Amino acid sequence: MGPEPAVALVLPPREGFGPESAGAIGLNCRRLARAARGFRVRVIGPPQSAPVFADAAFQVAPAAFALGPAWRRYVKGVARLLRADPPALIEVHNRPDIALDLARRLPGARVALFLGNDPAAMRGFATPSARALLLARLVAVVSASRWLRARLLEGIAAPPPGRALVLPNCLDLAALPLPLAPGQRVAEILFAGRVAADKGAEEFVAACASALPELPGWRARMVGADRFGAASPETPFLRALRPRAAAAGVEMAGYLPHAGVLAAMARAAIVAVPSRWEEPFGLAALEALAGGAALVSTARGGLPEVTGAAAEIVPAADPVALAAAFTGLGRDPARRAALGVAGRLRATLFDAPAVAARLDRLRQTWLGTQAP
């Protein structure tokens, strides 16, 4: 047998790759890198201001001069690394412009794009013709949900077969905190994620203001900030929300490292993902399912593909319905326990080894070592 083919995962130019800095993209890349079999995977990213993950190979793209926007300097540095040590596959995460630029700079390279956000909302890719260019010039465009794939293909009359694919984000279930049993869980309604309007933060506070008086002994907490990292700014939205949260009896705990968020989900009785916007995937919802909480979620974007029937679904931007869901679940321990069991089972579909095995088969197809 020959050496394992090398794969380079390219992060966006501002993505963190460490316990204190990684967002959804960095976390997913770490899991895919660790779970790969038959491939040597390295992650390439920008300089990091905090310690990086020790269990995945990571390279910093060297500084490079280039005219134009800052991302062009980043992609030139990435290209320099890849020329010095060419991989069999280049997998660019969430940046169509960088994927196309690398394909141009490295003729003959096999470049795939992995989408974690809506491509039609990205600068330069709002038109079908721009998105069709991705499918024409890259070996594949892999979306994290069917909803994202539909957005990619919107308006494209005849996409090339086999190039617009779906592979969900993943979790490493074996590395998660052990969920508490239903009877041991904290009587807490938890919001975990970006505290912003599009995530339904205002609806969460308003719903708790109605529900908590009906649930003696219960509390509500919001974990998160406007951005990932302890240095996240105090936005006008947060300043306006704080007094309303205090009046509603909702604790705003601020930023927690990802491990702390997962631990909170493993203890809370109810976790809410009340997103207003079209979630491209819904990692917070998946983490809540895996943590064994009773999940209350909207059905925006790719969220239904994550939750299946393992969550209580409420309309978006409807604090009255959200409050009713909190009150109903708070009074029904059997329903909470059933949702917790269903959530854990649902989460196994997204376990990192299973998702990485699907990706490895795709890689073999792109390299011509396995029939499509």
Protein backbone atom coordinates (compact mmCIF):
# COMPACT_ATOMS: atom_id res chain seq x y z
CA MET A 1 0.00 0.00 0.00
CA GLY A 2 1.17 3.51 -0.80
CA PRO A 3 1.13 6.48 1.56
CA GLU A 4 -2.20 7.88 2.64
CA PRO A 5 -3.39 10.73 0.38
CA ALA A 6 -2.99 14.16 1.95
CA VAL A 7 -5.94 16.50 2.45
CA ALA A 8 -5.75 20.20 3.35
CA LEU A 9 -8.75 21.77 5.11
CA VAL A 10 -8.66 25.54 4.61
CA LEU A 11 -10.40 27.68 7.22
CA PRO A 12 -11.92 31.12 6.57
CA PRO A 13 -9.39 33.93 7.16
CA ARG A 14 -10.80 34.95 10.57
CA GLU A 15 -11.74 31.52 11.92
CA GLY A 16 -10.37 30.38 15.26
CA PHE A 17 -9.04 26.88 15.78
CA GLY A 18 -8.75 26.36 19.50
CA PRO A 19 -10.77 25.66 22.65
CA GLU A 20 -11.21 29.39 23.36
CA SER A 21 -11.68 30.62 19.79
CA ALA A 22 -13.26 28.09 17.44
CA GLY A 23 -16.69 28.70 15.99
CA ALA A 24 -18.89 26.16 14.25
CA ILE A 25 -16.57 25.87 11.23
CA GLY A 26 -13.40 25.41 13.26
CA LEU A 27 -15.07 22.85 15.53
CA ASN A 28 -16.40 20.87 12.58
CA CYS A 29 -13.01 20.86 10.84
CA ARG A 30 -11.33 19.62 14.00
CA ARG A 31 -13.78 16.73 14.28
CA LEU A 32 -13.45 15.79 10.61
CA ALA A 33 -9.65 15.93 10.82
CA ARG A 34 -9.56 13.69 13.90
CA ALA A 35 -12.04 11.15 12.53
CA ALA A 36 -10.57 10.73 9.01
CA ARG A 37 -9.36 7.25 8.08
CA GLY A 38 -7.09 6.52 5.14
CA PHE A 39 -6.17 10.19 4.66
CA ARG A 40 -3.58 12.50 6.24
CA VAL A 41 -5.49 15.65 7.12
CA ARG A 42 -4.06 19.02 8.07
CA VAL A 43 -5.93 22.23 8.81
CA ILE A 44 -4.66 25.53 7.43
CA GLY A 45 -5.80 28.78 8.97
CA PRO A 46 -4.89 32.33 9.98
CA PRO A 47 -2.57 33.25 12.85
CA GLN A 48 -4.19 32.40 16.17
CA SER A 49 -4.23 34.62 19.25
CA ALA A 50 -5.14 31.72 21.56
CA PRO A 51 -3.85 28.14 21.91
CA VAL A 52 -4.89 25.80 19.10
CA PHE A 53 -6.33 22.30 19.38
CA ALA A 54 -3.54 19.86 20.19
CA ASP A 55 -5.22 16.84 18.60
CA ALA A 56 -5.30 18.00 14.95
CA ALA A 57 -2.45 19.01 12.64
CA PHE A 58 -2.60 22.79 12.13
CA GLN A 59 -0.55 25.14 9.96
CA VAL A 60 -0.65 28.92 9.91
CA ALA A 61 -0.82 30.45 6.44
CA PRO A 62 2.28 32.65 6.07
CA ALA A 63 1.91 36.39 5.58
CA ALA A 64 1.90 37.39 1.93
CA PHE A 65 1.57 40.66 0.05
CA ALA A 66 -1.30 41.04 -2.42
CA LEU A 67 -3.27 43.95 -3.78
CA GLY A 68 -6.94 44.21 -2.94
CA PRO A 69 -8.89 42.98 0.08
CA ALA A 70 -7.22 41.30 3.06
CA TRP A 71 -8.55 37.85 2.15
CA ARG A 72 -6.37 37.89 -0.98
CA ARG A 73 -3.26 38.16 1.19
CA TYR A 74 -4.53 35.20 3.17
CA VAL A 75 -5.25 33.06 0.11
CA LYS A 76 -1.84 33.89 -1.36
CA GLY A 77 -0.23 32.62 1.85
CA VAL A 78 -2.38 29.48 1.76
CA ALA A 79 -1.36 28.88 -1.86
CA ARG A 80 2.30 29.23 -0.91
CA LEU A 81 1.92 26.49 1.70
CA LEU A 82 0.08 24.22 -0.72
CA ARG A 83 2.69 24.63 -3.46
CA ALA A 84 5.43 23.68 -1.02
CA ASP A 85 3.58 20.55 0.12
CA PRO A 86 0.83 19.73 -2.41
CA PRO A 87 -2.10 17.70 -1.05
CA ALA A 88 -4.21 15.33 -3.09
CA LEU A 89 -7.31 17.34 -2.14
CA ILE A 90 -7.96 20.89 -1.00
CA GLU A 91 -11.17 21.41 0.96
CA VAL A 92 -12.06 25.08 1.45
CA HIS A 93 -14.61 25.79 4.18
CA ASN A 94 -17.31 28.40 3.71
CA ARG A 95 -15.45 30.75 1.35
CA PRO A 96 -16.43 30.37 -2.33
CA ASP A 97 -14.13 33.20 -3.33
CA ILE A 98 -11.12 31.50 -1.74
CA ALA A 99 -12.00 28.16 -3.33
CA LEU A 100 -12.11 29.71 -6.81
CA ASP A 101 -8.92 31.71 -6.20
CA LEU A 102 -7.02 28.61 -5.09
CA ALA A 103 -8.28 26.66 -8.11
CA ARG A 104 -6.96 29.49 -10.31
CA ARG A 105 -3.60 29.78 -8.53
CA LEU A 106 -3.00 26.03 -8.41
CA PRO A 107 -3.82 24.62 -11.87
CA GLY A 108 -4.66 20.93 -11.74
CA ALA A 109 -5.44 20.97 -8.02
CA ARG A 110 -8.58 19.20 -6.86
CA VAL A 111 -10.48 21.83 -4.87
CA ALA A 112 -13.81 21.22 -3.11
CA LEU A 113 -15.92 23.80 -1.30
CA PHE A 114 -17.76 23.04 1.96
CA LEU A 115 -20.64 25.42 2.65
CA GLY A 116 -21.80 26.16 6.18
CA ASN A 117 -23.68 29.35 5.28
CA ASP A 118 -26.05 30.53 2.56
CA PRO A 119 -24.00 31.07 -0.60
CA ALA A 120 -26.71 33.24 -2.18
CA ALA A 121 -26.21 35.73 0.67
CA MET A 122 -22.43 35.90 0.17
CA ARG A 123 -20.87 38.85 -1.63
CA GLY A 124 -20.26 37.96 -5.26
CA PHE A 125 -22.44 34.85 -5.30
CA ALA A 126 -25.99 36.21 -5.21
CA THR A 127 -26.60 35.35 -8.88
CA PRO A 128 -27.18 31.84 -10.23
CA SER A 129 -24.41 32.36 -12.80
CA ALA A 130 -21.86 33.07 -10.05
CA ARG A 131 -22.88 29.97 -8.11
CA ALA A 132 -22.89 27.88 -11.29
CA LEU A 133 -19.23 28.84 -11.71
CA LEU A 134 -18.44 27.06 -8.45
CA LEU A 135 -19.96 23.83 -9.72
CA ALA A 136 -18.15 24.16 -13.05
CA ARG A 137 -14.65 24.81 -11.66
CA LEU A 138 -14.55 22.79 -8.43
CA VAL A 139 -14.65 19.05 -7.96
CA ALA A 140 -17.70 19.45 -5.71
CA VAL A 141 -19.64 21.86 -3.53
CA VAL A 142 -20.70 20.16 -0.30
CA SER A 143 -23.50 21.78 1.71
CA ALA A 144 -24.15 21.16 5.41
CA SER A 145 -27.90 20.77 4.81
CA ARG A 146 -30.40 20.14 2.05
CA TRP A 147 -31.69 23.64 2.64
CA LEU A 148 -28.25 25.05 1.84
CA ARG A 149 -27.96 22.87 -1.27
CA ALA A 150 -31.30 24.20 -2.49
CA ARG A 151 -30.05 27.75 -2.01
CA LEU A 152 -26.88 26.92 -3.93
CA LEU A 153 -28.86 25.53 -6.86
CA GLU A 154 -31.61 28.17 -6.88
CA GLY A 155 -31.96 29.46 -10.43
CA ILE A 156 -29.37 27.09 -11.93
CA ALA A 157 -31.12 25.28 -14.77
CA ALA A 158 -28.78 22.33 -15.34
CA PRO A 159 -26.23 21.80 -12.56
CA PRO A 160 -23.47 19.28 -13.33
CA PRO A 161 -24.45 15.89 -11.89
CA GLY A 162 -22.70 14.72 -8.75
CA ARG A 163 -21.16 18.06 -7.82
CA ALA A 164 -23.77 19.57 -5.49
CA LEU A 165 -23.69 17.30 -2.43
CA VAL A 166 -24.88 17.30 1.19
CA LEU A 167 -22.82 16.29 4.22
CA PRO A 168 -24.03 17.42 7.64
CA ASN A 169 -21.89 18.92 10.34
CA CYS A 170 -20.91 16.50 13.05
CA LEU A 171 -20.34 16.00 16.77
CA ASP A 172 -17.92 13.68 18.54
CA LEU A 173 -20.39 12.03 20.88
CA ALA A 174 -17.69 10.11 22.73
CA ALA A 175 -16.05 13.40 23.76
CA LEU A 176 -19.21 15.07 25.09
CA PRO A 177 -20.01 15.46 28.79
CA LEU A 178 -22.12 12.61 30.14
CA PRO A 179 -25.74 13.86 30.20
CA LEU A 180 -27.51 13.81 33.52
CA ALA A 181 -30.51 11.54 33.93
CA PRO A 182 -33.88 13.30 33.56
CA GLY A 183 -34.53 13.32 37.30
CA GLN A 184 -31.10 14.81 38.04
CA ARG A 185 -31.20 17.66 35.54
CA VAL A 186 -31.33 21.28 36.66
CA ALA A 187 -34.75 22.93 36.41
CA GLU A 188 -33.37 25.43 33.95
CA ILE A 189 -34.43 26.82 30.58
CA LEU A 190 -31.19 27.49 28.69
CA PHE A 191 -30.39 29.63 25.67
CA ALA A 192 -26.89 28.88 24.33
CA GLY A 193 -25.39 30.63 21.33
CA ARG A 194 -24.98 34.08 19.83
CA VAL A 195 -27.07 36.56 21.77
CA ALA A 196 -28.44 38.45 18.78
CA ALA A 197 -31.79 39.35 17.27
CA ASP A 198 -31.61 36.75 14.50
CA LYS A 199 -31.10 34.00 17.08
CA GLY A 200 -34.38 34.84 18.82
CA ALA A 201 -32.81 36.28 21.97
CA GLU A 202 -35.60 38.82 22.47
CA GLU A 203 -38.28 36.15 22.07
CA PHE A 204 -36.47 33.97 24.62
CA VAL A 205 -36.51 36.75 27.22
CA ALA A 206 -40.16 37.61 26.54
CA ALA A 207 -41.18 33.94 26.71
CA CYS A 208 -39.36 33.44 30.01
CA ALA A 209 -41.06 36.54 31.44
CA SER A 210 -44.38 34.74 30.88
CA ALA A 211 -43.33 31.18 31.67
CA LEU A 212 -41.20 31.50 34.81
CA PRO A 213 -44.05 32.76 37.05
CA GLU A 214 -45.95 29.61 36.06
CA LEU A 215 -43.01 27.32 36.93
CA PRO A 216 -42.05 27.61 40.63
CA GLY A 217 -38.47 26.52 41.25
CA TRP A 218 -37.36 27.02 37.65
CA ARG A 219 -34.77 29.46 36.37
CA ALA A 220 -33.66 30.72 32.95
CA ARG A 221 -30.17 31.49 31.68
CA MET A 222 -28.55 32.79 28.51
CA VAL A 223 -25.02 31.61 27.74
CA GLY A 224 -23.22 33.41 24.95
CA ALA A 225 -22.26 36.77 23.55
CA ASP A 226 -22.41 38.56 20.23
CA ARG A 227 -19.34 36.71 18.92
CA PHE A 228 -17.15 33.77 19.80
CA GLY A 229 -14.44 34.57 22.34
CA ALA A 230 -14.06 36.30 25.66
CA ALA A 231 -13.34 39.63 23.94
CA SER A 232 -16.77 39.79 22.30
CA PRO A 233 -18.01 43.41 22.34
CA GLU A 234 -20.94 44.81 24.28
CA THR A 235 -23.30 45.61 21.40
CA PRO A 236 -26.24 48.03 21.53
CA PHE A 237 -28.52 44.97 21.26
CA LEU A 238 -26.99 43.41 24.37
CA ARG A 239 -27.16 46.68 26.32
CA ALA A 240 -30.85 47.02 25.48
CA LEU A 241 -31.61 43.38 26.31
CA ARG A 242 -29.96 43.28 29.75
CA PRO A 243 -32.58 45.24 31.71
CA ARG A 244 -35.39 43.30 30.04
CA ALA A 245 -33.69 40.02 30.91
CA ALA A 246 -33.21 41.11 34.52
CA ALA A 247 -36.89 42.06 34.79
CA ALA A 248 -37.87 38.66 33.35
CA GLY A 249 -35.65 36.77 35.79
CA VAL A 250 -33.25 35.62 33.05
CA GLU A 251 -29.56 35.45 33.95
CA MET A 252 -27.25 36.63 31.16
CA ALA A 253 -24.10 34.62 31.90
CA GLY A 254 -22.06 35.91 28.95
CA TYR A 255 -19.45 34.05 26.92
CA LEU A 256 -18.43 30.54 27.92
CA PRO A 257 -15.79 28.39 26.19
CA HIS A 258 -17.34 25.65 24.10
CA ALA A 259 -16.66 22.97 26.69
CA GLY A 260 -18.63 25.01 29.22
CA VAL A 261 -21.56 25.38 26.83
CA LEU A 262 -21.70 21.63 26.27
CA ALA A 263 -21.58 21.01 30.02
CA ALA A 264 -24.46 23.44 30.55
CA MET A 265 -26.53 21.65 27.91
CA ALA A 266 -25.83 18.31 29.55
CA ARG A 267 -27.35 19.62 32.82
CA ALA A 268 -30.27 21.81 31.71
CA ALA A 269 -33.76 20.35 31.54
CA ILE A 270 -34.81 22.49 28.55
CA VAL A 271 -32.68 24.10 25.83
CA ALA A 272 -34.17 26.63 23.42
CA VAL A 273 -33.05 27.41 19.85
CA PRO A 274 -35.65 30.06 18.91
CA SER A 275 -33.93 31.27 15.72
CA ARG A 276 -35.66 33.84 13.55
CA TRP A 277 -33.27 33.52 10.64
CA GLU A 278 -32.89 30.61 8.25
CA GLU A 279 -30.31 28.52 10.08
CA PRO A 280 -27.93 26.98 7.53
CA PHE A 281 -27.59 23.91 9.77
CA GLY A 282 -28.23 24.38 13.49
CA LEU A 283 -25.22 23.19 15.50
CA ALA A 284 -26.61 24.47 18.80
CA ALA A 285 -29.73 22.36 18.26
CA LEU A 286 -27.60 19.27 17.56
CA GLU A 287 -25.53 19.89 20.68
CA ALA A 288 -28.71 20.19 22.76
CA LEU A 289 -30.02 16.90 21.36
CA ALA A 290 -26.74 15.18 22.10
CA GLY A 291 -26.77 16.61 25.62
CA GLY A 292 -30.08 14.93 26.35
CA ALA A 293 -32.06 18.11 26.99
CA ALA A 294 -35.66 18.62 25.93
CA LEU A 295 -35.17 20.86 22.90
CA VAL A 296 -37.54 23.65 21.88
CA SER A 297 -36.72 24.89 18.38
CA THR A 298 -38.08 26.78 15.43
CA ALA A 299 -38.09 25.18 11.98
CA ARG A 300 -36.06 27.79 10.12
CA GLY A 301 -33.65 26.78 7.36
CA GLY A 302 -31.86 23.52 8.04
CA LEU A 303 -33.08 23.10 11.62
CA PRO A 304 -35.75 20.47 10.78
CA GLU A 305 -33.03 18.32 9.18
CA VAL A 306 -31.20 18.35 12.51
CA THR A 307 -34.11 17.97 14.92
CA GLY A 308 -36.36 15.56 13.04
CA ALA A 309 -39.16 14.63 15.45
CA ALA A 310 -36.90 14.94 18.51
CA ALA A 311 -37.83 18.53 19.44
CA GLU A 312 -40.80 20.65 20.36
CA ILE A 313 -41.25 22.92 17.32
CA VAL A 314 -42.62 26.47 17.68
CA PRO A 315 -43.16 29.24 15.11
CA ALA A 316 -40.34 31.75 14.73
CA ALA A 317 -40.73 35.22 16.27
CA ASP A 318 -43.62 34.03 18.47
CA PRO A 319 -42.83 34.51 22.17
CA VAL A 320 -46.36 33.42 23.17
CA ALA A 321 -45.90 29.99 21.54
CA LEU A 322 -42.40 29.75 22.97
CA ALA A 323 -43.68 30.49 26.47
CA ALA A 324 -46.40 27.87 26.08
CA ALA A 325 -43.77 25.30 25.08
CA PHE A 326 -41.64 26.17 28.12
CA THR A 327 -44.62 25.97 30.46
CA GLY A 328 -45.89 22.72 28.98
CA LEU A 329 -42.52 20.99 29.18
CA GLY A 330 -41.78 22.40 32.62
CA ARG A 331 -44.94 20.75 33.93
CA ASP A 332 -44.44 17.44 32.09
CA PRO A 333 -41.34 15.50 33.22
CA ALA A 334 -42.34 12.45 31.16
CA ARG A 335 -42.43 14.52 27.96
CA ARG A 336 -39.04 16.06 28.80
CA ALA A 337 -37.57 12.60 29.40
CA ALA A 338 -38.98 11.26 26.13
CA LEU A 339 -37.56 14.18 24.16
CA GLY A 340 -34.20 13.68 25.83
CA VAL A 341 -34.07 10.02 24.78
CA ALA A 342 -35.21 10.89 21.25
CA GLY A 343 -32.61 13.63 21.04
CA ARG A 344 -29.72 11.37 22.01
CA LEU A 345 -30.83 8.83 19.42
CA ARG A 346 -31.17 11.51 16.76
CA ALA A 347 -27.69 12.84 17.52
CA THR A 348 -26.09 9.48 16.67
CA LEU A 349 -26.86 10.20 13.00
CA PHE A 350 -24.36 13.07 13.20
CA ASP A 351 -21.58 11.33 15.12
CA ALA A 352 -18.15 12.31 13.79
CA PRO A 353 -16.94 8.79 12.83
CA ALA A 354 -20.07 8.17 10.74
CA VAL A 355 -19.97 11.56 9.00
CA ALA A 356 -16.21 11.33 8.43
CA ALA A 357 -16.62 7.87 6.88
CA ARG A 358 -19.09 9.36 4.38
CA LEU A 359 -16.62 12.14 3.62
CA ASP A 360 -13.78 9.66 3.13
CA ARG A 361 -15.89 7.84 0.53
CA LEU A 362 -16.50 11.14 -1.25
CA ARG A 363 -12.77 11.83 -1.22
CA GLN A 364 -12.09 8.46 -2.80
CA THR A 365 -14.59 9.32 -5.54
CA TRP A 366 -12.94 12.71 -6.18
CA LEU A 367 -9.56 11.01 -6.43
CA GLY A 368 -10.90 8.32 -8.73
CA THR A 369 -10.16 5.49 -6.32
CA GLN A 370 -13.83 4.58 -5.83
CA ALA A 371 -16.77 4.55 -8.19
CA PRO A 372 -19.23 7.40 -7.54
